[in-house]
Amino acid sequence: MDKGDSVKNAPEQGTASGDEDMIAVGVVGATDPVKAASYNAQVLQNATNFKIDNSALYTAGGDVSVTNIYNDALLTRIPYADGAGIDTTKACLEGTRTEILDEIKGWVTTTDANAPQVLWLSGPAGTGKSAIAHSVARWWMDENGGIGSCFCFNRQATTRHERLFPTIALDLATRIPALKESLNKLIASQPALATTADVTQQWRKLLQEPLTSIVGGIAEPVVIVIDALDESGGPVSRSHILSILARDAAKLPSNFRILVTSRPLLDIGDVFRNASNVRPESMDKLSPLSTKDDIQLYSSWRLKGVEGLGDQDFTQLARKSDGLFEWARLACEYIKYAQGLLTKRQRFEELMHAEEGKELLDTMYMIILRSILGDCPRNSTMNPFRSVLRIVLSTLEPLPMDSLNVLHSSAVQQSQDRACYDVLHPLASLLSGVSDQSMPIRPLHSTFHEFLTTRDRSGPFFVDVEDVNRDLAHACLQVMQQHLCFNICKLESSYVQNSEIADLGERIKGCIKPYLAYSCQFWTEHVKVIPL
């Protein structure tokens, strides 16, 4: 970015051209860039002959200077996936998973120019892939201050795949000035690229071309973490992303590293296992003994201070987990926060004697839900449970408690101010965000979503989501009808550009609630899938 174009004198007539978002006029000798809105009137009222042409300002008196500013407002046009970044609370406990973490760290920092740039870590649900992904992101970006990006897919966020590469590009642009400059120029000249849903165009224009054209390159490694790729939608929506990662990632500078985690789905495996630039790693290769020791260490840490439990019990719990960290996490939550008639010790014994022969996580979900709702829950209990959970599981982006309440009330067509809170708060060990009114609520693990929506797995706790899109579409339309209004952000003038409103972001957050933003964005998506 050129921050000091010289002023050129020329006897031109009073005409102006160029992109007003990309220049600012300041008084000679000013050391800081100033906004055109503040100074244009003062400077230009005394200039009788002038011309603004791209980045140079010509005046008869030669008494002003021009500073090029590639307005950051241009980057706000690129959609960013909120809530998809690193979550350090999900990282591995210190001292666990050291074997695989050391391998990944060695791959990141190797100077071998022939090292594959993509590492695919696959494994069954519940084995701790996401914890490893967040640990790598934390190690590189937080502890080492390295350049990178972390993007986590979520089964509910069905359109998040369209924001994968734009979000990564924006993350990297905050640390790579040359990339930021390139993106500003690109969006200024080709505005449609900011919002294109074409992932191939996104990759090529927002990442590949600008990164490979940086003069002198980037000296240090750049680490991109993509977690839960299997939750990015179906094979069709995922196919272009897979093709890009398998084929085009090799076109990035050789110091770029992309860590991808997923379940070993057929479409993902077929592409990655046959790609020369992808290094496949499997959680199944980890030593069962090492995994058991890690789970025992985690359990002893999580249940530290719980009366009546000791090392022998933690060993037994680790053995029962069968290598599933998610099961161990749920077991610790269930034991530690015991309520009702059973003591913590009795809950431990219940888990140790749970029936075998079923999926271990399904058994855990059954035990937890029965402890909350009862062994034979009544309709008066299950009707609100199903009514609320079908909304939570079916929104296309997770929503916080208050917004879920609004959508739910609209969907069932009656005001129920505490319905969502009363149902969701006891499910804190299974859902994230229930204890914070501003946080989106979503299943902590994708297997819980699958469990609830599969009748032969969840039995009495089955949640039928087959017809929910009709209710959500109706709710969205009702929300828009009730809450949309003229000048919703209370702007003082309609003649001012968005880029000139300093507090626009705060106004949007304050005036457009998440339930209204969701309704405006997704009502058509719900309508499209309603059976005719």
Protein backbone atom coordinates (compact mmCIF):
# COMPACT_ATOMS: atom_id res chain seq x y z
CA MET A 1 0.00 0.00 0.00
CA ASP A 2 1.45 3.32 -1.10
CA LYS A 3 1.02 5.77 1.75
CA GLY A 4 2.60 8.85 0.25
CA ASP A 5 1.73 9.73 -3.32
CA SER A 6 3.28 13.06 -4.30
CA VAL A 7 1.08 16.01 -5.15
CA LYS A 8 1.27 16.97 -8.77
CA ASN A 9 0.52 20.49 -9.99
CA ALA A 10 -1.57 20.84 -13.11
CA PRO A 11 -4.04 23.49 -14.28
CA GLU A 12 -7.01 21.16 -14.58
CA GLN A 13 -10.64 22.18 -14.29
CA GLY A 14 -12.71 21.28 -11.24
CA THR A 15 -13.59 17.65 -11.95
CA ALA A 16 -13.35 14.61 -9.72
CA SER A 17 -13.11 10.88 -10.47
CA GLY A 18 -11.90 7.74 -8.74
CA ASP A 19 -12.94 5.50 -5.85
CA GLU A 20 -13.82 7.62 -2.82
CA ASP A 21 -13.48 4.60 -0.55
CA MET A 22 -9.82 4.28 -1.43
CA ILE A 23 -8.40 7.79 -0.89
CA ALA A 24 -8.23 10.38 1.86
CA VAL A 25 -7.16 14.00 1.68
CA GLY A 26 -5.01 15.60 4.37
CA VAL A 27 -3.22 18.83 5.18
CA VAL A 28 0.45 19.07 4.19
CA GLY A 29 2.70 17.88 7.02
CA ALA A 30 0.05 15.69 8.68
CA THR A 31 1.65 12.55 10.06
CA ASP A 32 -1.50 10.42 10.37
CA PRO A 33 -4.01 9.52 7.65
CA VAL A 34 -7.23 11.51 7.95
CA LYS A 35 -10.66 10.76 6.66
CA ALA A 36 -11.90 12.50 3.57
CA ALA A 37 -15.19 13.27 5.28
CA SER A 38 -13.38 15.45 7.83
CA TYR A 39 -11.17 17.44 5.50
CA ASN A 40 -12.61 17.53 2.00
CA ALA A 41 -14.69 20.65 2.68
CA GLN A 42 -11.84 22.55 4.31
CA VAL A 43 -9.22 21.71 1.68
CA LEU A 44 -11.24 21.84 -1.51
CA GLN A 45 -13.16 25.04 -0.80
CA ASN A 46 -9.88 26.97 -1.27
CA ALA A 47 -8.77 25.09 -4.38
CA THR A 48 -10.01 26.71 -7.58
CA ASN A 49 -8.60 24.19 -10.04
CA PHE A 50 -8.29 20.56 -8.98
CA LYS A 51 -8.67 16.98 -10.13
CA ILE A 52 -8.83 13.78 -8.14
CA ASP A 53 -7.65 10.95 -10.36
CA ASN A 54 -7.28 7.51 -8.74
CA SER A 55 -4.57 8.07 -6.09
CA ALA A 56 -3.26 11.54 -6.97
CA LEU A 57 -4.81 14.91 -6.17
CA TYR A 58 -3.84 17.78 -8.50
CA THR A 59 -4.23 21.36 -7.25
CA ALA A 60 -3.25 24.75 -8.60
CA GLY A 61 -1.69 25.78 -5.29
CA GLY A 62 0.10 22.54 -4.47
CA ASP A 63 -0.81 22.85 -0.79
CA VAL A 64 -2.26 19.43 -0.01
CA SER A 65 -1.08 15.83 0.15
CA VAL A 66 -2.85 12.56 -0.57
CA THR A 67 -2.72 9.39 1.45
CA ASN A 68 -3.90 6.15 -0.15
CA ILE A 69 -6.13 4.19 2.22
CA TYR A 70 -7.46 0.84 1.09
CA ASN A 71 -10.51 1.03 3.25
CA ASP A 72 -10.94 -1.91 5.59
CA ALA A 73 -14.65 -1.59 4.90
CA LEU A 74 -13.97 -3.43 1.64
CA LEU A 75 -12.98 -6.54 3.59
CA THR A 76 -16.22 -6.48 5.55
CA ARG A 77 -17.98 -7.41 2.32
CA ILE A 78 -16.31 -10.84 2.49
CA PRO A 79 -18.50 -13.16 4.63
CA TYR A 80 -16.88 -14.47 7.79
CA ALA A 81 -18.04 -17.60 9.64
CA ASP A 82 -18.62 -16.46 13.21
CA GLY A 83 -18.10 -19.12 15.85
CA ALA A 84 -16.04 -21.36 13.57
CA GLY A 85 -12.64 -20.53 15.07
CA ILE A 86 -10.38 -21.99 17.72
CA ASP A 87 -11.84 -22.97 21.09
CA THR A 88 -9.01 -23.49 23.56
CA THR A 89 -11.38 -25.12 26.06
CA LYS A 90 -11.65 -28.07 23.67
CA ALA A 91 -7.87 -28.63 23.48
CA CYS A 92 -6.21 -31.71 24.93
CA LEU A 93 -5.29 -31.82 28.59
CA GLU A 94 -1.60 -31.08 29.09
CA GLY A 95 0.38 -34.33 28.93
CA THR A 96 -2.17 -36.26 26.85
CA ARG A 97 -2.04 -37.18 23.15
CA THR A 98 1.66 -36.28 23.13
CA GLU A 99 2.56 -38.92 20.53
CA ILE A 100 0.29 -37.67 17.75
CA LEU A 101 0.78 -34.00 18.71
CA ASP A 102 4.56 -34.35 18.45
CA GLU A 103 4.18 -35.93 15.02
CA ILE A 104 2.01 -33.08 13.78
CA LYS A 105 4.32 -30.43 15.24
CA GLY A 106 7.28 -32.05 13.49
CA TRP A 107 5.37 -32.01 10.20
CA VAL A 108 4.53 -28.31 10.67
CA THR A 109 8.09 -27.22 11.37
CA THR A 110 10.03 -29.49 8.99
CA THR A 111 12.23 -27.77 6.42
CA ASP A 112 11.81 -30.64 3.97
CA ALA A 113 10.52 -28.99 0.79
CA ASN A 114 9.00 -32.31 -0.32
CA ALA A 115 6.86 -32.78 2.80
CA PRO A 116 3.12 -33.10 2.03
CA GLN A 117 1.32 -29.84 2.72
CA VAL A 118 -1.91 -31.51 3.85
CA LEU A 119 -2.20 -33.91 6.79
CA TRP A 120 -5.51 -35.76 7.10
CA LEU A 121 -6.23 -37.11 10.59
CA SER A 122 -9.18 -39.51 10.54
CA GLY A 123 -10.87 -41.58 13.19
CA PRO A 124 -14.25 -42.74 14.54
CA ALA A 125 -16.59 -40.39 16.38
CA GLY A 126 -15.59 -39.63 19.95
CA THR A 127 -11.89 -40.48 19.63
CA GLY A 128 -10.67 -36.91 20.24
CA LYS A 129 -9.84 -35.60 16.77
CA SER A 130 -11.26 -32.15 17.49
CA ALA A 131 -9.26 -31.85 20.71
CA ILE A 132 -6.10 -32.52 18.73
CA ALA A 133 -7.11 -29.96 16.10
CA HIS A 134 -7.71 -27.26 18.71
CA SER A 135 -4.47 -28.20 20.48
CA VAL A 136 -2.46 -27.72 17.29
CA ALA A 137 -4.16 -24.39 16.61
CA ARG A 138 -3.53 -23.22 20.17
CA TRP A 139 0.10 -24.35 20.08
CA TRP A 140 0.84 -22.59 16.82
CA MET A 141 -1.21 -19.38 16.99
CA ASP A 142 -1.51 -18.68 20.72
CA GLU A 143 1.66 -20.11 22.22
CA ASN A 144 4.03 -19.45 19.30
CA GLY A 145 2.29 -16.41 17.81
CA GLY A 146 2.40 -18.09 14.41
CA ILE A 147 0.37 -17.14 11.36
CA GLY A 148 -2.62 -19.38 10.90
CA SER A 149 -6.35 -19.99 10.86
CA CYS A 150 -8.65 -22.51 12.53
CA PHE A 151 -11.99 -23.39 10.94
CA CYS A 152 -14.38 -25.87 12.55
CA PHE A 153 -17.34 -27.31 10.69
CA ASN A 154 -20.60 -27.96 12.50
CA ARG A 155 -23.39 -30.29 11.40
CA GLN A 156 -26.04 -27.62 12.03
CA ALA A 157 -24.29 -24.86 10.06
CA THR A 158 -25.26 -26.32 6.70
CA THR A 159 -23.95 -23.41 4.60
CA ARG A 160 -20.66 -23.01 6.48
CA HIS A 161 -18.72 -24.69 3.66
CA GLU A 162 -19.39 -21.58 1.56
CA ARG A 163 -17.45 -19.51 4.10
CA LEU A 164 -14.46 -21.81 4.61
CA PHE A 165 -11.97 -20.14 2.27
CA PRO A 166 -13.21 -16.54 2.78
CA THR A 167 -12.83 -16.96 6.55
CA ILE A 168 -9.34 -18.42 6.22
CA ALA A 169 -8.37 -15.59 3.86
CA LEU A 170 -9.56 -12.94 6.34
CA ASP A 171 -7.77 -14.65 9.23
CA LEU A 172 -4.49 -14.71 7.32
CA ALA A 173 -4.95 -11.13 6.10
CA THR A 174 -4.82 -9.88 9.70
CA ARG A 175 -1.22 -11.14 9.90
CA ILE A 176 -0.03 -10.80 6.30
CA PRO A 177 -0.20 -7.14 5.16
CA ALA A 178 0.50 -7.99 1.53
CA LEU A 179 -2.48 -10.37 1.47
CA LYS A 180 -4.70 -7.74 3.05
CA GLU A 181 -3.65 -5.23 0.39
CA SER A 182 -4.29 -7.72 -2.40
CA LEU A 183 -7.76 -8.55 -1.08
CA ASN A 184 -8.66 -4.87 -0.82
CA LYS A 185 -7.61 -4.27 -4.42
CA LEU A 186 -9.41 -7.40 -5.58
CA ILE A 187 -12.74 -6.53 -3.95
CA ALA A 188 -12.49 -2.93 -5.14
CA SER A 189 -12.06 -4.06 -8.75
CA GLN A 190 -14.27 -7.18 -8.67
CA PRO A 191 -16.93 -6.72 -5.94
CA ALA A 192 -18.78 -9.90 -6.90
CA LEU A 193 -15.86 -12.01 -5.65
CA ALA A 194 -16.58 -10.91 -2.08
CA THR A 195 -19.83 -12.87 -1.94
CA THR A 196 -19.41 -15.61 -4.54
CA ALA A 197 -20.49 -19.08 -3.40
CA ASP A 198 -18.12 -20.69 -5.90
CA VAL A 199 -15.53 -22.33 -3.63
CA THR A 200 -13.10 -22.79 -6.52
CA GLN A 201 -13.18 -19.04 -7.21
CA GLN A 202 -12.85 -18.34 -3.50
CA TRP A 203 -9.76 -20.50 -3.23
CA ARG A 204 -8.10 -19.19 -6.36
CA LYS A 205 -8.84 -15.48 -5.96
CA LEU A 206 -8.78 -15.04 -2.19
CA LEU A 207 -5.94 -17.41 -1.31
CA GLN A 208 -3.91 -19.09 -4.04
CA GLU A 209 -3.22 -16.18 -6.40
CA PRO A 210 -2.54 -13.45 -3.82
CA LEU A 211 -0.41 -15.72 -1.59
CA THR A 212 1.76 -17.01 -4.41
CA SER A 213 2.35 -13.48 -5.75
CA ILE A 214 3.74 -12.02 -2.50
CA VAL A 215 7.19 -10.65 -3.28
CA GLY A 216 9.77 -12.37 -1.09
CA GLY A 217 7.21 -14.85 0.18
CA ILE A 218 6.46 -15.60 3.85
CA ALA A 219 9.40 -16.85 5.86
CA GLU A 220 7.68 -18.79 8.64
CA PRO A 221 5.24 -21.70 8.36
CA VAL A 222 1.56 -20.87 7.95
CA VAL A 223 -0.79 -23.37 9.61
CA ILE A 224 -4.43 -23.85 8.62
CA VAL A 225 -6.57 -26.20 10.72
CA ILE A 226 -9.85 -27.52 9.29
CA ASP A 227 -11.74 -29.57 11.86
CA ALA A 228 -14.66 -31.97 11.28
CA LEU A 229 -14.69 -31.85 7.48
CA ASP A 230 -17.21 -34.71 7.57
CA GLU A 231 -19.74 -32.23 9.01
CA SER A 232 -19.42 -29.86 6.05
CA GLY A 233 -22.56 -31.16 4.38
CA GLY A 234 -23.04 -34.02 1.94
CA PRO A 235 -20.58 -35.53 -0.55
CA VAL A 236 -21.76 -33.17 -3.30
CA SER A 237 -21.12 -29.93 -1.40
CA ARG A 238 -17.85 -31.37 -0.07
CA SER A 239 -16.46 -32.60 -3.40
CA HIS A 240 -15.03 -29.26 -4.54
CA ILE A 241 -13.35 -28.64 -1.19
CA LEU A 242 -11.79 -32.10 -1.29
CA SER A 243 -10.54 -31.57 -4.82
CA ILE A 244 -8.98 -28.23 -3.91
CA LEU A 245 -7.24 -29.56 -0.81
CA ALA A 246 -5.97 -32.68 -2.57
CA ARG A 247 -4.84 -31.01 -5.80
CA ASP A 248 -4.48 -27.24 -5.46
CA ALA A 249 -2.99 -26.96 -1.96
CA ALA A 250 0.32 -27.94 -3.59
CA LYS A 251 0.22 -24.64 -5.48
CA LEU A 252 0.60 -22.68 -2.23
CA PRO A 253 4.11 -21.83 -0.98
CA SER A 254 5.83 -24.93 0.40
CA ASN A 255 5.78 -23.65 3.99
CA PHE A 256 1.98 -23.80 4.17
CA ARG A 257 0.52 -26.63 6.23
CA ILE A 258 -3.16 -27.67 6.26
CA LEU A 259 -4.35 -30.05 9.00
CA VAL A 260 -7.73 -31.67 8.25
CA THR A 261 -9.68 -33.87 10.67
CA SER A 262 -12.72 -35.98 9.88
CA ARG A 263 -14.33 -39.34 10.26
CA PRO A 264 -13.10 -41.81 7.65
CA LEU A 265 -16.03 -41.29 5.29
CA LEU A 266 -15.81 -43.01 1.92
CA ASP A 267 -15.82 -39.85 -0.24
CA ILE A 268 -13.12 -38.18 1.86
CA GLY A 269 -10.93 -41.29 1.96
CA ASP A 270 -11.20 -41.93 -1.78
CA VAL A 271 -9.82 -38.46 -2.54
CA PHE A 272 -7.21 -38.05 0.18
CA ARG A 273 -5.70 -41.52 0.07
CA ASN A 274 -4.92 -41.11 -3.62
CA ALA A 275 -3.43 -37.61 -3.35
CA SER A 276 0.36 -37.32 -3.39
CA ASN A 277 0.28 -34.06 -1.41
CA VAL A 278 -1.81 -35.51 1.45
CA ARG A 279 -0.35 -37.41 4.40
CA PRO A 280 -3.03 -39.73 5.87
CA GLU A 281 -2.92 -40.41 9.63
CA SER A 282 -5.43 -42.46 11.58
CA MET A 283 -6.45 -42.37 15.23
CA ASP A 284 -6.59 -46.17 14.97
CA LYS A 285 -2.80 -46.22 14.72
CA LEU A 286 -2.39 -44.74 18.18
CA SER A 287 -1.36 -47.19 20.87
CA PRO A 288 -4.43 -48.46 22.78
CA LEU A 289 -2.33 -48.46 25.95
CA SER A 290 -1.31 -44.83 25.39
CA THR A 291 -4.93 -43.85 24.77
CA LYS A 292 -6.07 -45.64 27.94
CA ASP A 293 -3.37 -43.88 29.96
CA ASP A 294 -4.42 -40.51 28.52
CA ILE A 295 -8.07 -41.12 29.39
CA GLN A 296 -7.08 -42.22 32.89
CA LEU A 297 -5.04 -39.02 33.32
CA TYR A 298 -7.97 -36.95 32.05
CA SER A 299 -10.47 -38.72 34.32
CA SER A 300 -8.31 -38.32 37.43
CA TRP A 301 -7.93 -34.61 36.64
CA ARG A 302 -11.63 -34.07 35.93
CA LEU A 303 -12.81 -35.98 39.02
CA LYS A 304 -10.12 -34.70 41.36
CA GLY A 305 -11.56 -34.20 44.82
CA VAL A 306 -14.65 -36.34 44.27
CA GLU A 307 -15.09 -38.24 47.52
CA GLY A 308 -15.01 -41.99 47.28
CA LEU A 309 -13.14 -42.24 43.96
CA GLY A 310 -9.48 -43.15 43.61
CA ASP A 311 -6.83 -44.25 41.12
CA GLN A 312 -8.26 -47.74 40.82
CA ASP A 313 -11.62 -46.28 39.83
CA PHE A 314 -10.02 -44.00 37.23
CA THR A 315 -8.25 -47.03 35.76
CA GLN A 316 -11.55 -48.87 35.56
CA LEU A 317 -13.26 -45.88 33.95
CA ALA A 318 -10.49 -45.60 31.34
CA ARG A 319 -10.82 -49.28 30.52
CA LYS A 320 -14.60 -48.92 30.17
CA SER A 321 -14.24 -45.97 27.77
CA ASP A 322 -12.85 -48.27 25.06
CA GLY A 323 -10.69 -45.45 23.70
CA LEU A 324 -13.50 -42.89 23.38
CA PHE A 325 -12.55 -39.56 24.93
CA GLU A 326 -16.08 -38.25 24.42
CA TRP A 327 -17.47 -41.11 26.51
CA ALA A 328 -14.95 -40.32 29.25
CA ARG A 329 -15.91 -36.64 29.20
CA LEU A 330 -19.60 -37.45 29.51
CA ALA A 331 -18.93 -39.98 32.26
CA CYS A 332 -16.97 -37.44 34.30
CA GLU A 333 -19.71 -34.82 33.86
CA TYR A 334 -22.37 -37.33 34.88
CA ILE A 335 -20.49 -38.39 38.00
CA LYS A 336 -19.19 -34.99 39.12
CA TYR A 337 -22.46 -33.11 38.90
CA ALA A 338 -24.68 -35.79 40.39
CA GLN A 339 -28.17 -34.66 41.32
CA GLY A 340 -31.19 -36.54 42.58
CA LEU A 341 -31.18 -39.74 44.58
CA LEU A 342 -27.94 -41.29 43.34
CA THR A 343 -24.63 -40.34 44.95
CA LYS A 344 -21.49 -39.74 42.89
CA ARG A 345 -20.23 -43.20 43.82
CA GLN A 346 -23.52 -44.78 42.82
CA ARG A 347 -23.40 -43.03 39.46
CA PHE A 348 -19.89 -44.36 38.91
CA GLU A 349 -21.06 -47.89 39.68
CA GLU A 350 -24.04 -47.46 37.33
CA LEU A 351 -21.69 -46.59 34.46
CA MET A 352 -19.37 -49.48 35.21
CA HIS A 353 -22.29 -51.93 35.11
CA ALA A 354 -24.05 -50.43 32.09
CA GLU A 355 -25.16 -53.03 29.57
CA GLU A 356 -22.68 -54.08 26.93
CA GLY A 357 -23.42 -54.89 23.31
CA LYS A 358 -24.69 -51.42 22.37
CA GLU A 359 -22.83 -48.45 21.08
CA LEU A 360 -20.99 -47.08 24.10
CA LEU A 361 -21.91 -43.43 23.46
CA ASP A 362 -25.56 -44.34 22.90
CA THR A 363 -25.60 -46.09 26.26
CA MET A 364 -24.12 -43.00 27.88
CA TYR A 365 -26.71 -40.74 26.27
CA MET A 366 -29.49 -43.03 27.49
CA ILE A 367 -28.16 -42.98 31.06
CA ILE A 368 -27.86 -39.19 31.13
CA LEU A 369 -31.28 -38.54 29.60
CA ARG A 370 -32.98 -41.02 31.94
CA SER A 371 -31.37 -39.31 34.92
CA ILE A 372 -32.87 -35.99 33.72
CA LEU A 373 -36.22 -37.05 32.26
CA GLY A 374 -36.91 -40.35 34.03
CA ASP A 375 -36.92 -43.97 32.92
CA CYS A 376 -40.48 -43.73 31.60
CA PRO A 377 -40.95 -40.02 30.91
CA ARG A 378 -44.51 -38.72 30.70
CA ASN A 379 -45.89 -36.86 27.72
CA SER A 380 -46.03 -33.71 29.85
CA THR A 381 -42.24 -33.96 30.07
CA MET A 382 -41.42 -35.24 26.60
CA ASN A 383 -43.64 -32.90 24.59
CA PRO A 384 -41.70 -29.76 25.61
CA PHE A 385 -38.42 -31.69 25.27
CA ARG A 386 -39.18 -32.71 21.68
CA SER A 387 -40.70 -29.35 20.80
CA VAL A 388 -37.58 -27.43 21.83
CA LEU A 389 -34.94 -29.95 20.70
CA ARG A 390 -36.37 -30.22 17.18
CA ILE A 391 -35.74 -26.46 16.81
CA VAL A 392 -32.25 -26.65 18.33
CA LEU A 393 -31.28 -29.55 16.04
CA SER A 394 -32.76 -28.06 12.87
CA THR A 395 -31.71 -24.41 12.72
CA LEU A 396 -29.19 -23.89 9.92
CA GLU A 397 -26.99 -21.85 12.23
CA PRO A 398 -26.92 -22.36 16.03
CA LEU A 399 -28.69 -19.61 17.99
CA PRO A 400 -28.42 -18.36 21.60
CA MET A 401 -31.09 -19.06 24.20
CA ASP A 402 -33.16 -15.87 23.80
CA SER A 403 -33.30 -16.23 20.02
CA LEU A 404 -34.27 -19.89 20.26
CA ASN A 405 -37.09 -18.87 22.58
CA VAL A 406 -38.39 -16.36 20.02
CA LEU A 407 -38.25 -18.86 17.13
CA HIS A 408 -39.74 -21.64 19.24
CA SER A 409 -42.62 -19.44 20.43
CA SER A 410 -43.33 -18.44 16.84
CA ALA A 411 -43.11 -22.05 15.64
CA VAL A 412 -45.59 -23.37 18.23
CA GLN A 413 -47.63 -20.16 17.94
CA GLN A 414 -47.77 -19.39 21.63
CA SER A 415 -45.61 -17.33 23.95
CA GLN A 416 -43.39 -19.49 26.15
CA ASP A 417 -40.72 -17.25 27.65
CA ARG A 418 -38.87 -19.95 29.60
CA ALA A 419 -39.64 -23.04 27.52
CA CYS A 420 -36.17 -23.31 26.00
CA TYR A 421 -34.38 -22.53 29.25
CA ASP A 422 -36.38 -25.09 31.24
CA VAL A 423 -35.67 -27.84 28.70
CA LEU A 424 -32.07 -27.03 27.77
CA HIS A 425 -30.49 -25.99 31.05
CA PRO A 426 -30.45 -29.53 32.51
CA LEU A 427 -28.74 -30.74 29.29
CA ALA A 428 -25.55 -28.72 29.90
CA SER A 429 -23.34 -31.81 29.67
CA LEU A 430 -24.69 -32.55 26.18
CA LEU A 431 -25.12 -29.05 24.72
CA SER A 432 -22.76 -26.09 24.60
CA GLY A 433 -23.90 -22.52 25.26
CA VAL A 434 -26.75 -23.21 27.67
CA SER A 435 -25.11 -21.37 30.57
CA ASP A 436 -24.36 -18.19 28.59
CA GLN A 437 -27.28 -16.22 27.16
CA SER A 438 -25.12 -14.83 24.33
CA MET A 439 -23.58 -18.12 23.16
CA PRO A 440 -25.08 -20.24 20.36
CA ILE A 441 -26.47 -23.55 21.60
CA ARG A 442 -25.41 -26.71 19.80
CA PRO A 443 -24.73 -30.38 20.59
CA LEU A 444 -21.28 -30.76 22.09
CA HIS A 445 -20.72 -33.77 19.85
CA SER A 446 -22.25 -34.68 16.52
CA THR A 447 -23.13 -38.16 17.79
CA PHE A 448 -25.74 -36.67 20.13
CA HIS A 449 -27.54 -35.11 17.16
CA GLU A 450 -27.46 -38.46 15.37
CA PHE A 451 -28.63 -40.29 18.48
CA LEU A 452 -31.67 -38.07 19.06
CA THR A 453 -32.83 -38.13 15.44
CA THR A 454 -32.51 -41.90 14.95
CA ARG A 455 -35.55 -43.69 16.40
CA ASP A 456 -34.01 -47.12 16.94
CA ARG A 457 -31.07 -45.57 18.84
CA SER A 458 -32.84 -43.05 21.08
CA GLY A 459 -36.10 -44.92 21.75
CA PRO A 460 -38.32 -42.83 24.05
CA PHE A 461 -36.09 -39.78 23.55
CA PHE A 462 -36.43 -39.75 19.76
CA VAL A 463 -36.86 -36.26 18.26
CA ASP A 464 -38.69 -36.20 14.93
CA VAL A 465 -37.36 -33.41 12.70
CA GLU A 466 -39.06 -34.52 9.49
CA ASP A 467 -41.62 -31.69 9.32
CA VAL A 468 -39.72 -29.05 11.26
CA ASN A 469 -38.84 -26.91 8.23
CA ARG A 470 -42.48 -25.95 7.77
CA ASP A 471 -42.60 -24.69 11.36
CA LEU A 472 -39.27 -22.88 11.06
CA ALA A 473 -40.26 -21.20 7.79
CA HIS A 474 -43.49 -19.99 9.39
CA ALA A 475 -41.57 -18.80 12.48
CA CYS A 476 -39.06 -16.87 10.36
CA LEU A 477 -41.82 -15.12 8.40
CA GLN A 478 -43.64 -14.22 11.59
CA VAL A 479 -40.44 -12.85 13.16
CA MET A 480 -39.77 -10.69 10.10
CA GLN A 481 -43.34 -9.43 10.05
CA GLN A 482 -43.14 -8.43 13.70
CA HIS A 483 -39.62 -7.00 13.90
CA LEU A 484 -38.58 -5.56 10.53
CA CYS A 485 -39.05 -1.81 10.28
CA PHE A 486 -37.85 1.20 8.33
CA ASN A 487 -34.42 2.53 9.34
CA ILE A 488 -33.95 -0.33 11.79
CA CYS A 489 -30.48 0.88 12.80
CA LYS A 490 -31.75 4.42 13.48
CA LEU A 491 -29.35 6.16 11.10
CA GLU A 492 -29.41 9.95 11.11
CA SER A 493 -29.30 10.18 7.31
CA SER A 494 -29.93 7.86 4.36
CA TYR A 495 -27.41 9.76 2.26
CA VAL A 496 -24.39 8.50 4.20
CA GLN A 497 -22.55 5.42 2.93
CA ASN A 498 -22.24 2.43 5.27
CA SER A 499 -18.44 2.77 5.15
CA GLU A 500 -18.75 6.27 6.64
CA ILE A 501 -20.78 5.20 9.70
CA ALA A 502 -18.20 4.67 12.43
CA ASP A 503 -20.46 2.70 14.79
CA LEU A 504 -22.41 0.73 12.19
CA GLY A 505 -21.25 -2.61 13.58
CA GLU A 506 -22.47 -1.73 17.07
CA ARG A 507 -25.77 -0.44 15.68
CA ILE A 508 -26.34 -3.69 13.80
CA LYS A 509 -25.60 -5.79 16.89
CA GLY A 510 -27.88 -3.66 19.02
CA CYS A 511 -30.79 -3.26 16.61
CA ILE A 512 -30.81 -6.53 14.63
CA LYS A 513 -31.14 -9.43 17.05
CA PRO A 514 -29.81 -12.88 16.11
CA TYR A 515 -33.34 -14.29 15.63
CA LEU A 516 -34.18 -11.53 13.14
CA ALA A 517 -30.87 -11.85 11.28
CA TYR A 518 -31.38 -15.63 11.13
CA SER A 519 -34.96 -15.29 9.85
CA CYS A 520 -33.96 -12.87 7.09
CA GLN A 521 -31.06 -15.05 5.99
CA PHE A 522 -32.55 -18.53 6.15
CA TRP A 523 -36.32 -18.41 5.71
CA THR A 524 -36.03 -19.31 2.03
CA GLU A 525 -33.79 -22.28 2.85
CA HIS A 526 -36.49 -23.72 5.09
CA VAL A 527 -39.19 -23.06 2.49
CA LYS A 528 -37.21 -24.82 -0.25
CA VAL A 529 -37.15 -28.16 1.58
CA ILE A 530 -40.81 -28.26 2.66
CA PRO A 531 -42.42 -31.32 1.02
CA LEU A 532 -45.03 -30.38 -1.60
